[in-house]
């Protein structure tokens, strides 16, 4: 899954090229729909490739929701950004690895290895099994069954880009809106997070996500 339809098409081509024995049963741009598809027996995949920097619901949240309820689906994270930016959050959420998007053969090899229950000796892969991640996340959910969502999906999206160092003008172009609208979102975010500056917001945002 990826919020960019063009990237989804490219990923499908990559999978068909490097994993000709496999079948792409669905592609999705929406995190909530992906979680629902993974929970329905008729549409549960053996493996899911997840973009770490999704708009709206983050890739780590998608993985967390899937892994909390499932021990079988292989979760392979990918990103076009620096791996360190998302690695810990993705591993904490039950993803089994995080790889760069520009290495399609590596992505497919990871899918195959993990589907065969092999964990490469590679720092990009989690040392925690899917079963172990499932138990940990299930226990966390029992301790705190209601995860408070402070920000709206659009605010989450704006804050994700702010955390990545993008300017208000860049975010405005990305979201097809005005720079003043982005600044308004930023002020709402700061208020909800109880901070006054962008640096404080980024720190609070990362603490909120357990990074």
C-alpha atoms as a PDB file:
ATOM      1  CA  UNK A   1       0.000   0.000   0.000  1.00  0.00           C
ATOM      2  CA  UNK A   2       1.078   3.532  -0.841  1.00  0.00           C
ATOM      3  CA  UNK A   3      -0.737   6.854  -1.012  1.00  0.00           C
ATOM      4  CA  UNK A   4       0.651   7.403  -4.537  1.00  0.00           C
ATOM      5  CA  UNK A   5      -1.268   5.468  -7.198  1.00  0.00           C
ATOM      6  CA  UNK A   6       1.689   5.667  -9.603  1.00  0.00           C
ATOM      7  CA  UNK A   7       3.969   4.086  -7.022  1.00  0.00           C
ATOM      8  CA  UNK A   8       1.406   1.338  -6.462  1.00  0.00           C
ATOM      9  CA  UNK A   9       1.494   0.539 -10.168  1.00  0.00           C
ATOM     10  CA  UNK A  10       5.286   0.453 -10.100  1.00  0.00           C
ATOM     11  CA  UNK A  11       5.302  -1.832  -7.052  1.00  0.00           C
ATOM     12  CA  UNK A  12       2.889  -4.198  -8.760  1.00  0.00           C
ATOM     13  CA  UNK A  13       5.201  -4.356 -11.789  1.00  0.00           C
ATOM     14  CA  UNK A  14       8.200  -4.993  -9.527  1.00  0.00           C
ATOM     15  CA  UNK A  15       6.447  -7.848  -7.730  1.00  0.00           C
ATOM     16  CA  UNK A  16       5.356  -9.446 -10.991  1.00  0.00           C
ATOM     17  CA  UNK A  17       8.900  -9.122 -12.338  1.00  0.00           C
ATOM     18  CA  UNK A  18      10.883 -10.442  -9.373  1.00  0.00           C
ATOM     19  CA  UNK A  19       8.223 -12.715  -7.836  1.00  0.00           C
ATOM     20  CA  UNK A  20       6.475 -14.187 -10.897  1.00  0.00           C
ATOM     21  CA  UNK A  21       5.082 -17.023  -8.789  1.00  0.00           C
ATOM     22  CA  UNK A  22       3.141 -14.530  -6.646  1.00  0.00           C
ATOM     23  CA  UNK A  23      -0.155 -12.734  -7.176  1.00  0.00           C
ATOM     24  CA  UNK A  24      -1.047  -9.158  -6.253  1.00  0.00           C
ATOM     25  CA  UNK A  25      -4.546  -9.570  -4.819  1.00  0.00           C
ATOM     26  CA  UNK A  26      -5.133  -5.889  -4.073  1.00  0.00           C
ATOM     27  CA  UNK A  27      -3.561  -2.418  -3.998  1.00  0.00           C
ATOM     28  CA  UNK A  28      -4.653   0.307  -1.615  1.00  0.00           C
ATOM     29  CA  UNK A  29      -3.974   3.991  -0.930  1.00  0.00           C
ATOM     30  CA  UNK A  30      -6.071   4.253   2.253  1.00  0.00           C
ATOM     31  CA  UNK A  31      -4.737   2.912   5.559  1.00  0.00           C
ATOM     32  CA  UNK A  32      -8.111   2.097   7.082  1.00  0.00           C
ATOM     33  CA  UNK A  33      -9.196   0.115   4.026  1.00  0.00           C
ATOM     34  CA  UNK A  34      -5.889  -1.768   4.002  1.00  0.00           C
ATOM     35  CA  UNK A  35      -6.363  -2.772   7.648  1.00  0.00           C
ATOM     36  CA  UNK A  36      -9.908  -3.948   6.855  1.00  0.00           C
ATOM     37  CA  UNK A  37      -8.735  -5.977   3.855  1.00  0.00           C
ATOM     38  CA  UNK A  38      -6.079  -7.636   6.005  1.00  0.00           C
ATOM     39  CA  UNK A  39      -8.674  -8.661   8.581  1.00  0.00           C
ATOM     40  CA  UNK A  40     -11.116 -10.259   6.116  1.00  0.00           C
ATOM     41  CA  UNK A  41     -10.337 -13.941   5.326  1.00  0.00           C
ATOM     42  CA  UNK A  42     -11.133 -13.537   1.626  1.00  0.00           C
ATOM     43  CA  UNK A  43      -8.676 -10.663   1.191  1.00  0.00           C
ATOM     44  CA  UNK A  44      -5.931 -11.443   3.731  1.00  0.00           C
ATOM     45  CA  UNK A  45      -2.556 -11.378   1.942  1.00  0.00           C
ATOM     46  CA  UNK A  46       0.506 -13.469   2.761  1.00  0.00           C
ATOM     47  CA  UNK A  47       2.577 -10.278   2.666  1.00  0.00           C
ATOM     48  CA  UNK A  48       1.937  -6.556   2.571  1.00  0.00           C
ATOM     49  CA  UNK A  49       4.380  -3.901   1.356  1.00  0.00           C
ATOM     50  CA  UNK A  50       3.684  -0.700   3.308  1.00  0.00           C
ATOM     51  CA  UNK A  51       4.953   2.816   2.604  1.00  0.00           C
ATOM     52  CA  UNK A  52       6.258   4.246   5.900  1.00  0.00           C
ATOM     53  CA  UNK A  53       5.352   7.854   5.056  1.00  0.00           C
ATOM     54  CA  UNK A  54       1.687   7.555   4.201  1.00  0.00           C
ATOM     55  CA  UNK A  55      -0.606  10.565   4.289  1.00  0.00           C
ATOM     56  CA  UNK A  56      -3.309  10.509   6.943  1.00  0.00           C
ATOM     57  CA  UNK A  57      -2.712   7.279   8.857  1.00  0.00           C
ATOM     58  CA  UNK A  58       1.021   6.619   9.084  1.00  0.00           C
ATOM     59  CA  UNK A  59       2.629   3.432   7.810  1.00  0.00           C
ATOM     60  CA  UNK A  60       3.632   2.516  11.365  1.00  0.00           C
ATOM     61  CA  UNK A  61       0.013   2.849  12.524  1.00  0.00           C
ATOM     62  CA  UNK A  62      -1.158   0.600   9.671  1.00  0.00           C
ATOM     63  CA  UNK A  63       1.410  -2.026  10.709  1.00  0.00           C
ATOM     64  CA  UNK A  64       0.502  -1.690  14.391  1.00  0.00           C
ATOM     65  CA  UNK A  65      -3.193  -2.261  13.754  1.00  0.00           C
ATOM     66  CA  UNK A  66      -2.531  -5.244  11.512  1.00  0.00           C
ATOM     67  CA  UNK A  67       0.089  -6.874  13.746  1.00  0.00           C
ATOM     68  CA  UNK A  68      -1.989  -6.415  16.903  1.00  0.00           C
ATOM     69  CA  UNK A  69      -4.595  -8.714  15.360  1.00  0.00           C
ATOM     70  CA  UNK A  70      -2.489 -10.978  13.137  1.00  0.00           C
ATOM     71  CA  UNK A  71       0.676 -13.067  13.422  1.00  0.00           C
ATOM     72  CA  UNK A  72       0.821 -14.412   9.879  1.00  0.00           C
ATOM     73  CA  UNK A  73       0.953 -11.464   7.486  1.00  0.00           C
ATOM     74  CA  UNK A  74       4.493 -10.491   6.502  1.00  0.00           C
ATOM     75  CA  UNK A  75       4.838  -6.703   6.840  1.00  0.00           C
ATOM     76  CA  UNK A  76       7.565  -5.150   4.700  1.00  0.00           C
ATOM     77  CA  UNK A  77       8.055  -1.413   5.154  1.00  0.00           C
ATOM     78  CA  UNK A  78       9.467   0.748   2.368  1.00  0.00           C
ATOM     79  CA  UNK A  79      10.353   4.419   2.096  1.00  0.00           C
ATOM     80  CA  UNK A  80      11.964   6.906  -0.264  1.00  0.00           C
ATOM     81  CA  UNK A  81      13.297   8.864   2.726  1.00  0.00           C
ATOM     82  CA  UNK A  82      16.267   8.134   4.996  1.00  0.00           C
ATOM     83  CA  UNK A  83      15.657   4.772   6.673  1.00  0.00           C
ATOM     84  CA  UNK A  84      16.634   6.005  10.141  1.00  0.00           C
ATOM     85  CA  UNK A  85      13.725   8.444  10.076  1.00  0.00           C
ATOM     86  CA  UNK A  86      11.127   5.659  10.164  1.00  0.00           C
ATOM     87  CA  UNK A  87      13.017   2.518  11.199  1.00  0.00           C
ATOM     88  CA  UNK A  88      12.323   2.459  14.943  1.00  0.00           C
ATOM     89  CA  UNK A  89       8.657   3.413  14.616  1.00  0.00           C
ATOM     90  CA  UNK A  90       8.061   0.733  11.960  1.00  0.00           C
ATOM     91  CA  UNK A  91       9.856  -1.983  13.946  1.00  0.00           C
ATOM     92  CA  UNK A  92       7.991  -1.007  17.128  1.00  0.00           C
ATOM     93  CA  UNK A  93       4.728  -1.336  15.200  1.00  0.00           C
ATOM     94  CA  UNK A  94       5.368  -4.889  14.054  1.00  0.00           C
ATOM     95  CA  UNK A  95       6.888  -4.352  10.611  1.00  0.00           C
ATOM     96  CA  UNK A  96       9.595  -6.927   9.924  1.00  0.00           C
ATOM     97  CA  UNK A  97      11.910  -4.689   7.935  1.00  0.00           C
ATOM     98  CA  UNK A  98      12.254  -1.261   6.380  1.00  0.00           C
ATOM     99  CA  UNK A  99      13.885  -0.978   2.952  1.00  0.00           C
ATOM    100  CA  UNK A 100      14.490   1.792   0.390  1.00  0.00           C
ATOM    101  CA  UNK A 101      11.997   2.000  -2.450  1.00  0.00           C
ATOM    102  CA  UNK A 102      14.767   2.350  -5.009  1.00  0.00           C
ATOM    103  CA  UNK A 103      15.949  -1.235  -4.391  1.00  0.00           C
ATOM    104  CA  UNK A 104      12.994  -3.215  -5.806  1.00  0.00           C
ATOM    105  CA  UNK A 105      14.881  -6.513  -5.986  1.00  0.00           C
ATOM    106  CA  UNK A 106      15.781  -6.214  -2.285  1.00  0.00           C
ATOM    107  CA  UNK A 107      12.112  -5.632  -1.453  1.00  0.00           C
ATOM    108  CA  UNK A 108      11.029  -8.764  -3.277  1.00  0.00           C
ATOM    109  CA  UNK A 109      13.842 -10.837  -1.786  1.00  0.00           C
ATOM    110  CA  UNK A 110      12.762  -9.656   1.675  1.00  0.00           C
ATOM    111  CA  UNK A 111       9.171 -10.687   0.994  1.00  0.00           C
ATOM    112  CA  UNK A 112      10.298 -14.142  -0.095  1.00  0.00           C
ATOM    113  CA  UNK A 113      12.704 -14.635   2.817  1.00  0.00           C
ATOM    114  CA  UNK A 114      10.156 -13.572   5.437  1.00  0.00           C
ATOM    115  CA  UNK A 115       7.386 -15.673   3.879  1.00  0.00           C
ATOM    116  CA  UNK A 116       9.788 -18.624   4.219  1.00  0.00           C
ATOM    117  CA  UNK A 117      10.411 -17.678   7.884  1.00  0.00           C
ATOM    118  CA  UNK A 118      13.988 -16.616   7.199  1.00  0.00           C
ATOM    119  CA  UNK A 119      15.288 -13.432   8.847  1.00  0.00           C
ATOM    120  CA  UNK A 120      18.351 -12.022   7.043  1.00  0.00           C
ATOM    121  CA  UNK A 121      21.256 -10.920   9.211  1.00  0.00           C
ATOM    122  CA  UNK A 122      20.678  -7.301   8.299  1.00  0.00           C
ATOM    123  CA  UNK A 123      20.141  -4.260  10.543  1.00  0.00           C
ATOM    124  CA  UNK A 124      17.196  -3.234   8.388  1.00  0.00           C
ATOM    125  CA  UNK A 125      15.288  -6.304   9.630  1.00  0.00           C
ATOM    126  CA  UNK A 126      13.642  -6.718  13.015  1.00  0.00           C
ATOM    127  CA  UNK A 127      15.044  -9.361  15.344  1.00  0.00           C
ATOM    128  CA  UNK A 128      11.551  -9.755  16.805  1.00  0.00           C
ATOM    129  CA  UNK A 129       9.338 -12.421  15.248  1.00  0.00           C
ATOM    130  CA  UNK A 130       5.804 -11.665  14.114  1.00  0.00           C
ATOM    131  CA  UNK A 131       4.487 -13.765  17.027  1.00  0.00           C
ATOM    132  CA  UNK A 132       6.585 -11.820  19.534  1.00  0.00           C
ATOM    133  CA  UNK A 133       5.487  -8.476  18.092  1.00  0.00           C
ATOM    134  CA  UNK A 134       1.858  -9.597  18.173  1.00  0.00           C
ATOM    135  CA  UNK A 135       2.082 -10.582  21.847  1.00  0.00           C
ATOM    136  CA  UNK A 136       3.805  -7.329  22.790  1.00  0.00           C
ATOM    137  CA  UNK A 137       1.315  -5.151  20.936  1.00  0.00           C
ATOM    138  CA  UNK A 138      -1.649  -7.134  22.275  1.00  0.00           C
ATOM    139  CA  UNK A 139      -0.397  -6.627  25.829  1.00  0.00           C
ATOM    140  CA  UNK A 140       0.089  -2.917  25.201  1.00  0.00           C
ATOM    141  CA  UNK A 141      -3.460  -2.671  23.894  1.00  0.00           C
ATOM    142  CA  UNK A 142      -4.807  -4.383  27.016  1.00  0.00           C
ATOM    143  CA  UNK A 143      -2.971  -1.899  29.223  1.00  0.00           C
ATOM    144  CA  UNK A 144      -4.126   1.058  27.125  1.00  0.00           C
ATOM    145  CA  UNK A 145      -7.104  -0.112  25.010  1.00  0.00           C
ATOM    146  CA  UNK A 146      -8.057   3.397  23.913  1.00  0.00           C
ATOM    147  CA  UNK A 147      -5.344   5.177  21.946  1.00  0.00           C
ATOM    148  CA  UNK A 148      -6.131   8.883  22.168  1.00  0.00           C
ATOM    149  CA  UNK A 149      -6.035  10.513  18.751  1.00  0.00           C
ATOM    150  CA  UNK A 150      -5.196  14.151  19.356  1.00  0.00           C
ATOM    151  CA  UNK A 151      -4.900  15.227  15.743  1.00  0.00           C
ATOM    152  CA  UNK A 152      -7.254  14.940  12.796  1.00  0.00           C
ATOM    153  CA  UNK A 153      -6.069  12.911   9.775  1.00  0.00           C
ATOM    154  CA  UNK A 154      -5.187  16.134   7.918  1.00  0.00           C
ATOM    155  CA  UNK A 155      -3.325  17.494  10.949  1.00  0.00           C
ATOM    156  CA  UNK A 156      -1.451  14.187  11.233  1.00  0.00           C
ATOM    157  CA  UNK A 157      -0.511  14.542   7.573  1.00  0.00           C
ATOM    158  CA  UNK A 158       0.706  18.131   7.967  1.00  0.00           C
ATOM    159  CA  UNK A 159       2.689  17.259  11.100  1.00  0.00           C
ATOM    160  CA  UNK A 160       4.330  14.317   9.331  1.00  0.00           C
ATOM    161  CA  UNK A 161       5.696  16.678   6.671  1.00  0.00           C
ATOM    162  CA  UNK A 162       6.725  19.285   9.270  1.00  0.00           C
ATOM    163  CA  UNK A 163       8.660  16.556  11.082  1.00  0.00           C
ATOM    164  CA  UNK A 164      10.409  15.741   7.810  1.00  0.00           C
ATOM    165  CA  UNK A 165      11.615  19.332   7.583  1.00  0.00           C
ATOM    166  CA  UNK A 166       9.293  20.483   4.805  1.00  0.00           C
ATOM    167  CA  UNK A 167       8.339  24.163   4.591  1.00  0.00           C
ATOM    168  CA  UNK A 168       4.778  25.506   4.711  1.00  0.00           C
ATOM    169  CA  UNK A 169       4.971  26.423   1.013  1.00  0.00           C
ATOM    170  CA  UNK A 170       6.205  22.903   0.112  1.00  0.00           C
ATOM    171  CA  UNK A 171       3.420  21.256   2.145  1.00  0.00           C
ATOM    172  CA  UNK A 172       0.829  23.587   0.601  1.00  0.00           C
ATOM    173  CA  UNK A 173       1.863  22.559  -2.904  1.00  0.00           C
ATOM    174  CA  UNK A 174       1.898  18.881  -1.883  1.00  0.00           C
ATOM    175  CA  UNK A 175      -1.631  19.104  -0.431  1.00  0.00           C
ATOM    176  CA  UNK A 176      -2.936  21.444  -3.142  1.00  0.00           C
ATOM    177  CA  UNK A 177      -3.892  24.204  -0.722  1.00  0.00           C
ATOM    178  CA  UNK A 178      -2.633  27.623   0.373  1.00  0.00           C
ATOM    179  CA  UNK A 179       0.352  28.341   2.587  1.00  0.00           C
ATOM    180  CA  UNK A 180      -1.882  30.269   5.004  1.00  0.00           C
ATOM    181  CA  UNK A 181      -4.060  27.170   5.409  1.00  0.00           C
ATOM    182  CA  UNK A 182      -1.008  25.095   6.291  1.00  0.00           C
ATOM    183  CA  UNK A 183       0.056  27.705   8.848  1.00  0.00           C
ATOM    184  CA  UNK A 184      -3.435  27.548  10.361  1.00  0.00           C
ATOM    185  CA  UNK A 185      -3.152  23.774  10.620  1.00  0.00           C
ATOM    186  CA  UNK A 186       0.261  24.183  12.249  1.00  0.00           C
ATOM    187  CA  UNK A 187      -1.135  26.525  14.896  1.00  0.00           C
ATOM    188  CA  UNK A 188      -3.963  24.084  15.659  1.00  0.00           C
ATOM    189  CA  UNK A 189      -1.410  21.285  15.986  1.00  0.00           C
ATOM    190  CA  UNK A 190       0.752  23.329  18.351  1.00  0.00           C
ATOM    191  CA  UNK A 191      -2.295  24.067  20.507  1.00  0.00           C
ATOM    192  CA  UNK A 192      -3.328  20.415  20.673  1.00  0.00           C
ATOM    193  CA  UNK A 193       0.206  19.309  21.492  1.00  0.00           C
ATOM    194  CA  UNK A 194       0.520  22.020  24.126  1.00  0.00           C
ATOM    195  CA  UNK A 195       3.580  23.650  22.535  1.00  0.00           C
ATOM    196  CA  UNK A 196       4.485  27.032  21.069  1.00  0.00           C
ATOM    197  CA  UNK A 197       7.279  26.376  18.568  1.00  0.00           C
ATOM    198  CA  UNK A 198       7.923  24.045  15.683  1.00  0.00           C
ATOM    199  CA  UNK A 199      10.871  22.414  17.455  1.00  0.00           C
ATOM    200  CA  UNK A 200       8.726  21.723  20.537  1.00  0.00           C
ATOM    201  CA  UNK A 201       5.989  20.341  18.278  1.00  0.00           C
ATOM    202  CA  UNK A 202       8.390  17.922  16.593  1.00  0.00           C
ATOM    203  CA  UNK A 203       9.664  16.704  19.976  1.00  0.00           C
ATOM    204  CA  UNK A 204       6.109  16.244  21.292  1.00  0.00           C
ATOM    205  CA  UNK A 205       5.061  14.515  18.053  1.00  0.00           C
ATOM    206  CA  UNK A 206       7.924  12.048  18.243  1.00  0.00           C
ATOM    207  CA  UNK A 207       7.300  11.372  21.950  1.00  0.00           C
ATOM    208  CA  UNK A 208       3.632  10.789  21.198  1.00  0.00           C
ATOM    209  CA  UNK A 209       4.586   8.177  18.602  1.00  0.00           C
ATOM    210  CA  UNK A 210       7.079   6.544  20.926  1.00  0.00           C
ATOM    211  CA  UNK A 211      10.128   7.456  18.813  1.00  0.00           C
END
